[in-house]
Amino acid sequence: MDAISFQLLFNGLVLGAGYGVLGLGFALTLRAAGAVNFAHGDVAAVAAYGGVTAVLFGATGVLAVGVAALVGGALGLVGGRYCMGTSPSAPSRIYFHSRHRLRNSGTK
């Protein structure tokens, strides 16, 4: 197997693993909340922007991945605290807003 074939195989496996994790996140969210939450892509995009910004400021690839993970994690923590408040058993504001919008938009 030459170098290009190995690189294509590796890229395909990494991309497939990423799609699998994304699908698993959607499935877990649907099962737990009863509604699909499409915020995964938003958090991933903001984390990727953080990683690209780190590269533009001269960071190496490994450091940029770390920065992207920290940015995504921080956004998840802040978003979770905003949506759930301080109590994990409190009702979700996002669920309330999405149900309210669906009810008032005329769609079921």
PDB file of N, CA and C in Angstrom:
ATOM      1  N   MET A   1       0.863  -1.168   0.000  1.00  0.00           N
ATOM      2  CA  MET A   1       0.000   0.000   0.000  1.00  0.00           C
ATOM      3  C   MET A   1       0.911   1.233   0.000  1.00  0.00           C
ATOM      4  N   ASP A   2       0.699   2.090  -0.970  1.00  0.00           N
ATOM      5  CA  ASP A   2       1.549   3.283  -1.046  1.00  0.00           C
ATOM      6  C   ASP A   2       1.041   4.363  -0.092  1.00  0.00           C
ATOM      7  N   ALA A   3       1.777   5.461  -0.022  1.00  0.00           N
ATOM      8  CA  ALA A   3       1.492   6.508   0.971  1.00  0.00           C
ATOM      9  C   ALA A   3       0.153   7.187   0.716  1.00  0.00           C
ATOM     10  N   ILE A   4      -0.203   7.383  -0.536  1.00  0.00           N
ATOM     11  CA  ILE A   4      -1.467   8.071  -0.843  1.00  0.00           C
ATOM     12  C   ILE A   4      -2.656   7.198  -0.442  1.00  0.00           C
ATOM     13  N   SER A   5      -2.584   5.913  -0.731  1.00  0.00           N
ATOM     14  CA  SER A   5      -3.682   5.016  -0.344  1.00  0.00           C
ATOM     15  C   SER A   5      -3.846   4.970   1.166  1.00  0.00           C
ATOM     16  N   PHE A   6      -2.720   4.910   1.877  1.00  0.00           N
ATOM     17  CA  PHE A   6      -2.784   4.897   3.333  1.00  0.00           C
ATOM     18  C   PHE A   6      -3.391   6.194   3.865  1.00  0.00           C
ATOM     19  N   GLN A   7      -3.006   7.324   3.284  1.00  0.00           N
ATOM     20  CA  GLN A   7      -3.551   8.609   3.731  1.00  0.00           C
ATOM     21  C   GLN A   7      -5.047   8.698   3.449  1.00  0.00           C
ATOM     22  N   LEU A   8      -5.489   8.215   2.287  1.00  0.00           N
ATOM     23  CA  LEU A   8      -6.920   8.215   1.971  1.00  0.00           C
ATOM     24  C   LEU A   8      -7.697   7.314   2.925  1.00  0.00           C
ATOM     25  N   LEU A   9      -7.133   6.150   3.228  1.00  0.00           N
ATOM     26  CA  LEU A   9      -7.783   5.244   4.171  1.00  0.00           C
ATOM     27  C   LEU A   9      -7.899   5.888   5.554  1.00  0.00           C
ATOM     28  N   PHE A  10      -6.822   6.487   6.003  1.00  0.00           N
ATOM     29  CA  PHE A  10      -6.822   7.147   7.306  1.00  0.00           C
ATOM     30  C   PHE A  10      -7.826   8.299   7.344  1.00  0.00           C
ATOM     31  N   ASN A  11      -7.838   9.125   6.286  1.00  0.00           N
ATOM     32  CA  ASN A  11      -8.792  10.244   6.229  1.00  0.00           C
ATOM     33  C   ASN A  11     -10.230   9.754   6.236  1.00  0.00           C
ATOM     34  N   GLY A  12     -10.504   8.670   5.523  1.00  0.00           N
ATOM     35  CA  GLY A  12     -11.852   8.113   5.505  1.00  0.00           C
ATOM     36  C   GLY A  12     -12.279   7.584   6.860  1.00  0.00           C
ATOM     37  N   LEU A  13     -11.350   6.917   7.553  1.00  0.00           N
ATOM     38  CA  LEU A  13     -11.677   6.409   8.892  1.00  0.00           C
ATOM     39  C   LEU A  13     -11.920   7.532   9.883  1.00  0.00           C
ATOM     40  N   VAL A  14     -11.112   8.577   9.816  1.00  0.00           N
ATOM     41  CA  VAL A  14     -11.300   9.709  10.732  1.00  0.00           C
ATOM     42  C   VAL A  14     -12.612  10.425  10.434  1.00  0.00           C
ATOM     43  N   LEU A  15     -12.920  10.637   9.165  1.00  0.00           N
ATOM     44  CA  LEU A  15     -14.174  11.302   8.808  1.00  0.00           C
ATOM     45  C   LEU A  15     -15.379  10.459   9.213  1.00  0.00           C
ATOM     46  N   GLY A  16     -15.297   9.159   8.990  1.00  0.00           N
ATOM     47  CA  GLY A  16     -16.378   8.268   9.395  1.00  0.00           C
ATOM     48  C   GLY A  16     -16.571   8.238  10.903  1.00  0.00           C
ATOM     49  N   ALA A  17     -15.467   8.278  11.650  1.00  0.00           N
ATOM     50  CA  ALA A  17     -15.573   8.320  13.106  1.00  0.00           C
ATOM     51  C   ALA A  17     -16.225   9.613  13.568  1.00  0.00           C
ATOM     52  N   GLY A  18     -15.886  10.716  12.910  1.00  0.00           N
ATOM     53  CA  GLY A  18     -16.515  11.999  13.252  1.00  0.00           C
ATOM     54  C   GLY A  18     -18.009  11.977  12.980  1.00  0.00           C
ATOM     55  N   TYR A  19     -18.407  11.424  11.827  1.00  0.00           N
ATOM     56  CA  TYR A  19     -19.835  11.308  11.528  1.00  0.00           C
ATOM     57  C   TYR A  19     -20.535  10.392  12.528  1.00  0.00           C
ATOM     58  N   GLY A  20     -19.853   9.334  12.936  1.00  0.00           N
ATOM     59  CA  GLY A  20     -20.445   8.425  13.924  1.00  0.00           C
ATOM     60  C   GLY A  20     -20.673   9.099  15.258  1.00  0.00           C
ATOM     61  N   VAL A  21     -19.698   9.881  15.717  1.00  0.00           N
ATOM     62  CA  VAL A  21     -19.846  10.592  16.993  1.00  0.00           C
ATOM     63  C   VAL A  21     -20.960  11.624  16.894  1.00  0.00           C
ATOM     64  N   LEU A  22     -21.043  12.315  15.760  1.00  0.00           N
ATOM     65  CA  LEU A  22     -22.111  13.299  15.565  1.00  0.00           C
ATOM     66  C   LEU A  22     -23.486  12.625  15.577  1.00  0.00           C
ATOM     67  N   GLY A  23     -23.607  11.507  14.887  1.00  0.00           N
ATOM     68  CA  GLY A  23     -24.871  10.765  14.888  1.00  0.00           C
ATOM     69  C   GLY A  23     -25.228  10.228  16.264  1.00  0.00           C
ATOM     70  N   LEU A  24     -24.219   9.779  16.993  1.00  0.00           N
ATOM     71  CA  LEU A  24     -24.462   9.297  18.353  1.00  0.00           C
ATOM     72  C   LEU A  24     -24.954  10.426  19.248  1.00  0.00           C
ATOM     73  N   GLY A  25     -24.388  11.620  19.076  1.00  0.00           N
ATOM     74  CA  GLY A  25     -24.849  12.770  19.848  1.00  0.00           C
ATOM     75  C   GLY A  25     -26.298  13.106  19.545  1.00  0.00           C
ATOM     76  N   PHE A  26     -26.662  13.070  18.262  1.00  0.00           N
ATOM     77  CA  PHE A  26     -28.057  13.323  17.894  1.00  0.00           C
ATOM     78  C   PHE A  26     -28.981  12.259  18.469  1.00  0.00           C
ATOM     79  N   ALA A  27     -28.576  10.999  18.390  1.00  0.00           N
ATOM     80  CA  ALA A  27     -29.413   9.915  18.905  1.00  0.00           C
ATOM     81  C   ALA A  27     -29.587  10.014  20.418  1.00  0.00           C
ATOM     82  N   LEU A  28     -28.514  10.313  21.140  1.00  0.00           N
ATOM     83  CA  LEU A  28     -28.618  10.449  22.591  1.00  0.00           C
ATOM     84  C   LEU A  28     -29.489  11.634  22.986  1.00  0.00           C
ATOM     85  N   THR A  29     -29.336  12.736  22.269  1.00  0.00           N
ATOM     86  CA  THR A  29     -30.150  13.911  22.569  1.00  0.00           C
ATOM     87  C   THR A  29     -31.623  13.645  22.289  1.00  0.00           C
ATOM     88  N   LEU A  30     -31.904  12.982  21.180  1.00  0.00           N
ATOM     89  CA  LEU A  30     -33.291  12.663  20.850  1.00  0.00           C
ATOM     90  C   LEU A  30     -33.889  11.718  21.884  1.00  0.00           C
ATOM     91  N   ARG A  31     -33.122  10.736  22.303  1.00  0.00           N
ATOM     92  CA  ARG A  31     -33.629   9.764  23.270  1.00  0.00           C
ATOM     93  C   ARG A  31     -33.836  10.396  24.646  1.00  0.00           C
ATOM     94  N   ALA A  32     -32.922  11.275  25.044  1.00  0.00           N
ATOM     95  CA  ALA A  32     -33.000  11.854  26.387  1.00  0.00           C
ATOM     96  C   ALA A  32     -34.033  12.970  26.474  1.00  0.00           C
ATOM     97  N   ALA A  33     -34.099  13.831  25.473  1.00  0.00           N
ATOM     98  CA  ALA A  33     -34.966  15.008  25.554  1.00  0.00           C
ATOM     99  C   ALA A  33     -36.249  14.864  24.758  1.00  0.00           C
ATOM    100  N   GLY A  34     -36.309  13.911  23.857  1.00  0.00           N
ATOM    101  CA  GLY A  34     -37.491  13.767  23.030  1.00  0.00           C
ATOM    102  C   GLY A  34     -37.546  14.786  21.904  1.00  0.00           C
ATOM    103  N   ALA A  35     -36.482  15.532  21.690  1.00  0.00           N
ATOM    104  CA  ALA A  35     -36.415  16.522  20.622  1.00  0.00           C
ATOM    105  C   ALA A  35     -34.996  16.553  20.081  1.00  0.00           C
ATOM    106  N   VAL A  36     -34.864  16.798  18.800  1.00  0.00           N
ATOM    107  CA  VAL A  36     -33.539  16.864  18.197  1.00  0.00           C
ATOM    108  C   VAL A  36     -32.960  18.248  18.439  1.00  0.00           C
ATOM    109  N   ASN A  37     -31.721  18.290  18.872  1.00  0.00           N
ATOM    110  CA  ASN A  37     -31.023  19.548  19.132  1.00  0.00           C
ATOM    111  C   ASN A  37     -29.928  19.702  18.091  1.00  0.00           C
ATOM    112  N   PHE A  38     -30.047  20.706  17.234  1.00  0.00           N
ATOM    113  CA  PHE A  38     -29.073  20.903  16.170  1.00  0.00           C
ATOM    114  C   PHE A  38     -27.960  21.864  16.576  1.00  0.00           C
ATOM    115  N   ALA A  39     -27.730  22.054  17.861  1.00  0.00           N
ATOM    116  CA  ALA A  39     -26.687  22.964  18.320  1.00  0.00           C
ATOM    117  C   ALA A  39     -25.300  22.343  18.251  1.00  0.00           C
ATOM    118  N   HIS A  40     -25.193  21.047  17.965  1.00  0.00           N
ATOM    119  CA  HIS A  40     -23.878  20.408  17.878  1.00  0.00           C
ATOM    120  C   HIS A  40     -23.020  21.091  16.822  1.00  0.00           C
ATOM    121  N   GLY A  41     -23.587  21.373  15.672  1.00  0.00           N
ATOM    122  CA  GLY A  41     -22.838  22.012  14.588  1.00  0.00           C
ATOM    123  C   GLY A  41     -22.397  23.420  14.944  1.00  0.00           C
ATOM    124  N   ASP A  42     -23.225  24.141  15.663  1.00  0.00           N
ATOM    125  CA  ASP A  42     -22.865  25.500  16.078  1.00  0.00           C
ATOM    126  C   ASP A  42     -21.670  25.488  17.014  1.00  0.00           C
ATOM    127  N   VAL A  43     -21.693  24.595  17.979  1.00  0.00           N
ATOM    128  CA  VAL A  43     -20.586  24.512  18.930  1.00  0.00           C
ATOM    129  C   VAL A  43     -19.315  24.061  18.215  1.00  0.00           C
ATOM    130  N   ALA A  44     -19.433  23.109  17.301  1.00  0.00           N
ATOM    131  CA  ALA A  44     -18.264  22.641  16.557  1.00  0.00           C
ATOM    132  C   ALA A  44     -17.695  23.753  15.675  1.00  0.00           C
ATOM    133  N   ALA A  45     -18.566  24.556  15.066  1.00  0.00           N
ATOM    134  CA  ALA A  45     -18.079  25.652  14.219  1.00  0.00           C
ATOM    135  C   ALA A  45     -17.351  26.711  15.044  1.00  0.00           C
ATOM    136  N   VAL A  46     -17.889  27.052  16.198  1.00  0.00           N
ATOM    137  CA  VAL A  46     -17.223  28.049  17.052  1.00  0.00           C
ATOM    138  C   VAL A  46     -15.888  27.496  17.551  1.00  0.00           C
ATOM    139  N   ALA A  47     -15.843  26.215  17.896  1.00  0.00           N
ATOM    140  CA  ALA A  47     -14.591  25.599  18.328  1.00  0.00           C
ATOM    141  C   ALA A  47     -13.573  25.593  17.188  1.00  0.00           C
ATOM    142  N   ALA A  48     -14.026  25.311  15.967  1.00  0.00           N
ATOM    143  CA  ALA A  48     -13.115  25.329  14.816  1.00  0.00           C
ATOM    144  C   ALA A  48     -12.585  26.734  14.555  1.00  0.00           C
ATOM    145  N   TYR A  49     -13.424  27.736  14.698  1.00  0.00           N
ATOM    146  CA  TYR A  49     -12.950  29.117  14.565  1.00  0.00           C
ATOM    147  C   TYR A  49     -11.894  29.436  15.620  1.00  0.00           C
ATOM    148  N   GLY A  50     -12.064  28.921  16.816  1.00  0.00           N
ATOM    149  CA  GLY A  50     -11.056  29.115  17.853  1.00  0.00           C
ATOM    150  C   GLY A  50      -9.736  28.467  17.475  1.00  0.00           C
ATOM    151  N   GLY A  51      -9.799  27.258  16.900  1.00  0.00           N
ATOM    152  CA  GLY A  51      -8.586  26.587  16.458  1.00  0.00           C
ATOM    153  C   GLY A  51      -7.903  27.305  15.312  1.00  0.00           C
ATOM    154  N   VAL A  52      -8.676  27.792  14.345  1.00  0.00           N
ATOM    155  CA  VAL A  52      -8.109  28.541  13.218  1.00  0.00           C
ATOM    156  C   VAL A  52      -7.494  29.842  13.701  1.00  0.00           C
ATOM    157  N   THR A  53      -8.141  30.493  14.640  1.00  0.00           N
ATOM    158  CA  THR A  53      -7.582  31.727  15.201  1.00  0.00           C
ATOM    159  C   THR A  53      -6.259  31.448  15.910  1.00  0.00           C
ATOM    160  N   ALA A  54      -6.175  30.330  16.601  1.00  0.00           N
ATOM    161  CA  ALA A  54      -4.917  29.971  17.265  1.00  0.00           C
ATOM    162  C   ALA A  54      -3.809  29.745  16.237  1.00  0.00           C
ATOM    163  N   VAL A  55      -4.141  29.106  15.112  1.00  0.00           N
ATOM    164  CA  VAL A  55      -3.140  28.898  14.060  1.00  0.00           C
ATOM    165  C   VAL A  55      -2.706  30.230  13.469  1.00  0.00           C
ATOM    166  N   LEU A  56      -3.643  31.144  13.282  1.00  0.00           N
ATOM    167  CA  LEU A  56      -3.292  32.457  12.731  1.00  0.00           C
ATOM    168  C   LEU A  56      -2.371  33.236  13.660  1.00  0.00           C
ATOM    169  N   PHE A  57      -2.460  32.960  14.951  1.00  0.00           N
ATOM    170  CA  PHE A  57      -1.570  33.617  15.913  1.00  0.00           C
ATOM    171  C   PHE A  57      -0.271  32.843  16.120  1.00  0.00           C
ATOM    172  N   GLY A  58      -0.042  31.802  15.316  1.00  0.00           N
ATOM    173  CA  GLY A  58       1.234  31.111  15.330  1.00  0.00           C
ATOM    174  C   GLY A  58       1.286  29.830  16.128  1.00  0.00           C
ATOM    175  N   ALA A  59       0.154  29.278  16.521  1.00  0.00           N
ATOM    176  CA  ALA A  59       0.149  28.037  17.299  1.00  0.00           C
ATOM    177  C   ALA A  59       0.409  26.844  16.387  1.00  0.00           C
ATOM    178  N   THR A  60       0.956  25.783  16.947  1.00  0.00           N
ATOM    179  CA  THR A  60       1.152  24.540  16.198  1.00  0.00           C
ATOM    180  C   THR A  60      -0.181  23.814  16.073  1.00  0.00           C
ATOM    181  N   GLY A  61      -0.192  22.739  15.295  1.00  0.00           N
ATOM    182  CA  GLY A  61      -1.429  21.998  15.084  1.00  0.00           C
ATOM    183  C   GLY A  61      -1.980  21.377  16.357  1.00  0.00           C
ATOM    184  N   VAL A  62      -1.115  20.811  17.181  1.00  0.00           N
ATOM    185  CA  VAL A  62      -1.564  20.172  18.419  1.00  0.00           C
ATOM    186  C   VAL A  62      -2.128  21.209  19.384  1.00  0.00           C
ATOM    187  N   LEU A  63      -1.466  22.349  19.466  1.00  0.00           N
ATOM    188  CA  LEU A  63      -1.961  23.418  20.340  1.00  0.00           C
ATOM    189  C   LEU A  63      -3.287  23.971  19.825  1.00  0.00           C
ATOM    190  N   ALA A  64      -3.438  24.069  18.500  1.00  0.00           N
ATOM    191  CA  ALA A  64      -4.687  24.562  17.927  1.00  0.00           C
ATOM    192  C   ALA A  64      -5.843  23.613  18.231  1.00  0.00           C
ATOM    193  N   VAL A  65      -5.590  22.323  18.198  1.00  0.00           N
ATOM    194  CA  VAL A  65      -6.631  21.348  18.554  1.00  0.00           C
ATOM    195  C   VAL A  65      -7.010  21.499  20.023  1.00  0.00           C
ATOM    196  N   GLY A  66      -6.009  21.727  20.873  1.00  0.00           N
ATOM    197  CA  GLY A  66      -6.289  21.966  22.287  1.00  0.00           C
ATOM    198  C   GLY A  66      -7.106  23.220  22.513  1.00  0.00           C
ATOM    199  N   VAL A  67      -6.753  24.283  21.780  1.00  0.00           N
ATOM    200  CA  VAL A  67      -7.527  25.531  21.893  1.00  0.00           C
ATOM    201  C   VAL A  67      -8.956  25.309  21.421  1.00  0.00           C
ATOM    202  N   ALA A  68      -9.122  24.579  20.312  1.00  0.00           N
ATOM    203  CA  ALA A  68     -10.475  24.306  19.810  1.00  0.00           C
ATOM    204  C   ALA A  68     -11.278  23.504  20.830  1.00  0.00           C
ATOM    205  N   ALA A  69     -10.641  22.523  21.470  1.00  0.00           N
ATOM    206  CA  ALA A  69     -11.340  21.735  22.489  1.00  0.00           C
ATOM    207  C   ALA A  69     -11.723  22.595  23.688  1.00  0.00           C
ATOM    208  N   LEU A  70     -10.825  23.490  24.100  1.00  0.00           N
ATOM    209  CA  LEU A  70     -11.135  24.377  25.223  1.00  0.00           C
ATOM    210  C   LEU A  70     -12.263  25.351  24.880  1.00  0.00           C
ATOM    211  N   VAL A  71     -12.230  25.896  23.664  1.00  0.00           N
ATOM    212  CA  VAL A  71     -13.286  26.830  23.247  1.00  0.00           C
ATOM    213  C   VAL A  71     -14.631  26.105  23.187  1.00  0.00           C
ATOM    214  N   GLY A  72     -14.653  24.913  22.587  1.00  0.00           N
ATOM    215  CA  GLY A  72     -15.903  24.149  22.523  1.00  0.00           C
ATOM    216  C   GLY A  72     -16.408  23.746  23.892  1.00  0.00           C
ATOM    217  N   GLY A  73     -15.491  23.322  24.761  1.00  0.00           N
ATOM    218  CA  GLY A  73     -15.891  22.950  26.117  1.00  0.00           C
ATOM    219  C   GLY A  73     -16.415  24.126  26.915  1.00  0.00           C
ATOM    220  N   ALA A  74     -15.745  25.272  26.772  1.00  0.00           N
ATOM    221  CA  ALA A  74     -16.203  26.471  27.488  1.00  0.00           C
ATOM    222  C   ALA A  74     -17.579  26.903  26.989  1.00  0.00           C
ATOM    223  N   LEU A  75     -17.771  26.846  25.680  1.00  0.00           N
ATOM    224  CA  LEU A  75     -19.089  27.207  25.140  1.00  0.00           C
ATOM    225  C   LEU A  75     -20.162  26.245  25.624  1.00  0.00           C
ATOM    226  N   GLY A  76     -19.831  24.961  25.702  1.00  0.00           N
ATOM    227  CA  GLY A  76     -20.783  23.980  26.222  1.00  0.00           C
ATOM    228  C   GLY A  76     -21.119  24.219  27.679  1.00  0.00           C
ATOM    229  N   LEU A  77     -20.107  24.548  28.481  1.00  0.00           N
ATOM    230  CA  LEU A  77     -20.365  24.822  29.902  1.00  0.00           C
ATOM    231  C   LEU A  77     -21.210  26.077  30.093  1.00  0.00           C
ATOM    232  N   VAL A  78     -20.865  27.144  29.367  1.00  0.00           N
ATOM    233  CA  VAL A  78     -21.631  28.392  29.492  1.00  0.00           C
ATOM    234  C   VAL A  78     -23.060  28.188  28.994  1.00  0.00           C
ATOM    235  N   GLY A  79     -23.198  27.513  27.862  1.00  0.00           N
ATOM    236  CA  GLY A  79     -24.540  27.251  27.340  1.00  0.00           C
ATOM    237  C   GLY A  79     -25.343  26.362  28.264  1.00  0.00           C
ATOM    238  N   GLY A  80     -24.698  25.358  28.844  1.00  0.00           N
ATOM    239  CA  GLY A  80     -25.393  24.479  29.781  1.00  0.00           C
ATOM    240  C   GLY A  80     -25.833  25.204  31.033  1.00  0.00           C
ATOM    241  N   ARG A  81     -24.974  26.074  31.541  1.00  0.00           N
ATOM    242  CA  ARG A  81     -25.346  26.855  32.732  1.00  0.00           C
ATOM    243  C   ARG A  81     -26.481  27.817  32.419  1.00  0.00           C
ATOM    244  N   TYR A  82     -26.468  28.403  31.222  1.00  0.00           N
ATOM    245  CA  TYR A  82     -27.551  29.322  30.856  1.00  0.00           C
ATOM    246  C   TYR A  82     -28.864  28.556  30.694  1.00  0.00           C
ATOM    247  N   CYS A  83     -28.797  27.423  30.012  1.00  0.00           N
ATOM    248  CA  CYS A  83     -30.032  26.696  29.715  1.00  0.00           C
ATOM    249  C   CYS A  83     -30.577  25.943  30.910  1.00  0.00           C
ATOM    250  N   MET A  84     -29.700  25.406  31.734  1.00  0.00           N
ATOM    251  CA  MET A  84     -30.161  24.589  32.852  1.00  0.00           C
ATOM    252  C   MET A  84     -30.134  25.331  34.176  1.00  0.00           C
ATOM    253  N   GLY A  85     -29.488  26.490  34.231  1.00  0.00           N
ATOM    254  CA  GLY A  85     -29.370  27.198  35.492  1.00  0.00           C
ATOM    255  C   GLY A  85     -28.366  26.498  36.390  1.00  0.00           C
ATOM    256  N   THR A  86     -28.529  26.635  37.662  1.00  0.00           N
ATOM    257  CA  THR A  86     -27.593  25.995  38.584  1.00  0.00           C
ATOM    258  C   THR A  86     -28.035  24.596  38.969  1.00  0.00           C
ATOM    259  N   SER A  87     -29.280  24.268  38.755  1.00  0.00           N
ATOM    260  CA  SER A  87     -29.793  22.959  39.128  1.00  0.00           C
ATOM    261  C   SER A  87     -29.930  22.069  37.893  1.00  0.00           C
ATOM    262  N   PRO A  88     -29.340  20.873  37.896  1.00  0.00           N
ATOM    263  CA  PRO A  88     -29.497  19.979  36.749  1.00  0.00           C
ATOM    264  C   PRO A  88     -30.935  19.498  36.565  1.00  0.00           C
ATOM    265  N   SER A  89     -31.762  19.581  37.608  1.00  0.00           N
ATOM    266  CA  SER A  89     -33.144  19.120  37.476  1.00  0.00           C
ATOM    267  C   SER A  89     -34.091  20.227  37.022  1.00  0.00           C
ATOM    268  N   ALA A  90     -33.571  21.441  36.797  1.00  0.00           N
ATOM    269  CA  ALA A  90     -34.419  22.540  36.353  1.00  0.00           C
ATOM    270  C   ALA A  90     -34.837  22.313  34.906  1.00  0.00           C
ATOM    271  N   PRO A  91     -36.036  22.769  34.518  1.00  0.00           N
ATOM    272  CA  PRO A  91     -36.463  22.576  33.129  1.00  0.00           C
ATOM    273  C   PRO A  91     -35.597  23.389  32.178  1.00  0.00           C
ATOM    274  N   SER A  92     -35.410  22.853  31.002  1.00  0.00           N
ATOM    275  CA  SER A  92     -34.537  23.488  30.029  1.00  0.00           C
ATOM    276  C   SER A  92     -35.221  24.684  29.364  1.00  0.00           C
ATOM    277  N   ARG A  93     -34.534  25.811  29.301  1.00  0.00           N
ATOM    278  CA  ARG A  93     -35.073  26.992  28.616  1.00  0.00           C
ATOM    279  C   ARG A  93     -35.126  26.789  27.115  1.00  0.00           C
ATOM    280  N   ILE A  94     -34.142  26.069  26.574  1.00  0.00           N
ATOM    281  CA  ILE A  94     -34.126  25.830  25.128  1.00  0.00           C
ATOM    282  C   ILE A  94     -35.347  25.005  24.735  1.00  0.00           C
ATOM    283  N   TYR A  95     -35.672  23.977  25.502  1.00  0.00           N
ATOM    284  CA  TYR A  95     -36.829  23.156  25.192  1.00  0.00           C
ATOM    285  C   TYR A  95     -38.097  23.992  25.251  1.00  0.00           C
ATOM    286  N   PHE A  96     -38.206  24.871  26.241  1.00  0.00           N
ATOM    287  CA  PHE A  96     -39.377  25.727  26.346  1.00  0.00           C
ATOM    288  C   PHE A  96     -39.475  26.655  25.144  1.00  0.00           C
ATOM    289  N   HIS A  97     -38.357  27.279  24.765  1.00  0.00           N
ATOM    290  CA  HIS A  97     -38.392  28.218  23.642  1.00  0.00           C
ATOM    291  C   HIS A  97     -38.714  27.511  22.334  1.00  0.00           C
ATOM    292  N   SER A  98     -38.162  26.328  22.121  1.00  0.00           N
ATOM    293  CA  SER A  98     -38.447  25.630  20.865  1.00  0.00           C
ATOM    294  C   SER A  98     -39.904  25.187  20.820  1.00  0.00           C
ATOM    295  N   ARG A  99     -40.447  24.729  21.918  1.00  0.00           N
ATOM    296  CA  ARG A  99     -41.861  24.334  21.939  1.00  0.00           C
ATOM    297  C   ARG A  99     -42.761  25.550  21.751  1.00  0.00           C
ATOM    298  N   HIS A 100     -42.377  26.676  22.365  1.00  0.00           N
ATOM    299  CA  HIS A 100     -43.163  27.893  22.234  1.00  0.00           C
ATOM    300  C   HIS A 100     -43.167  28.374  20.784  1.00  0.00           C
ATOM    301  N   ARG A 101     -42.023  28.331  20.132  1.00  0.00           N
ATOM    302  CA  ARG A 101     -41.954  28.775  18.732  1.00  0.00           C
ATOM    303  C   ARG A 101     -42.750  27.859  17.830  1.00  0.00           C
ATOM    304  N   LEU A 102     -42.670  26.550  18.053  1.00  0.00           N
ATOM    305  CA  LEU A 102     -43.443  25.622  17.222  1.00  0.00           C
ATOM    306  C   LEU A 102     -44.937  25.827  17.429  1.00  0.00           C
ATOM    307  N   ARG A 103     -45.335  26.067  18.655  1.00  0.00           N
ATOM    308  CA  ARG A 103     -46.759  26.254  18.937  1.00  0.00           C
ATOM    309  C   ARG A 103     -47.279  27.543  18.287  1.00  0.00           C
ATOM    310  N   ASN A 104     -46.470  28.597  18.299  1.00  0.00           N
ATOM    311  CA  ASN A 104     -46.922  29.882  17.781  1.00  0.00           C
ATOM    312  C   ASN A 104     -46.654  30.066  16.296  1.00  0.00           C
ATOM    313  N   SER A 105     -45.965  29.127  15.650  1.00  0.00           N
ATOM    314  CA  SER A 105     -45.677  29.291  14.237  1.00  0.00           C
ATOM    315  C   SER A 105     -46.760  28.706  13.350  1.00  0.00           C
ATOM    316  N   GLY A 106     -47.695  27.993  13.922  1.00  0.00           N
ATOM    317  CA  GLY A 106     -48.773  27.423  13.139  1.00  0.00           C
ATOM    318  C   GLY A 106     -48.462  26.016  12.649  1.00  0.00           C
ATOM    319  N   THR A 107     -47.281  25.479  12.951  1.00  0.00           N
ATOM    320  CA  THR A 107     -46.943  24.109  12.574  1.00  0.00           C
ATOM    321  C   THR A 107     -47.049  23.214  13.785  1.00  0.00           C
ATOM    322  N   LYS A 108     -47.223  21.972  13.546  1.00  0.00           N
ATOM    323  CA  LYS A 108     -47.343  21.004  14.656  1.00  0.00           C
ATOM    324  C   LYS A 108     -46.171  20.079  14.635  1.00  0.00           C
TER     325      LYS A 108
END
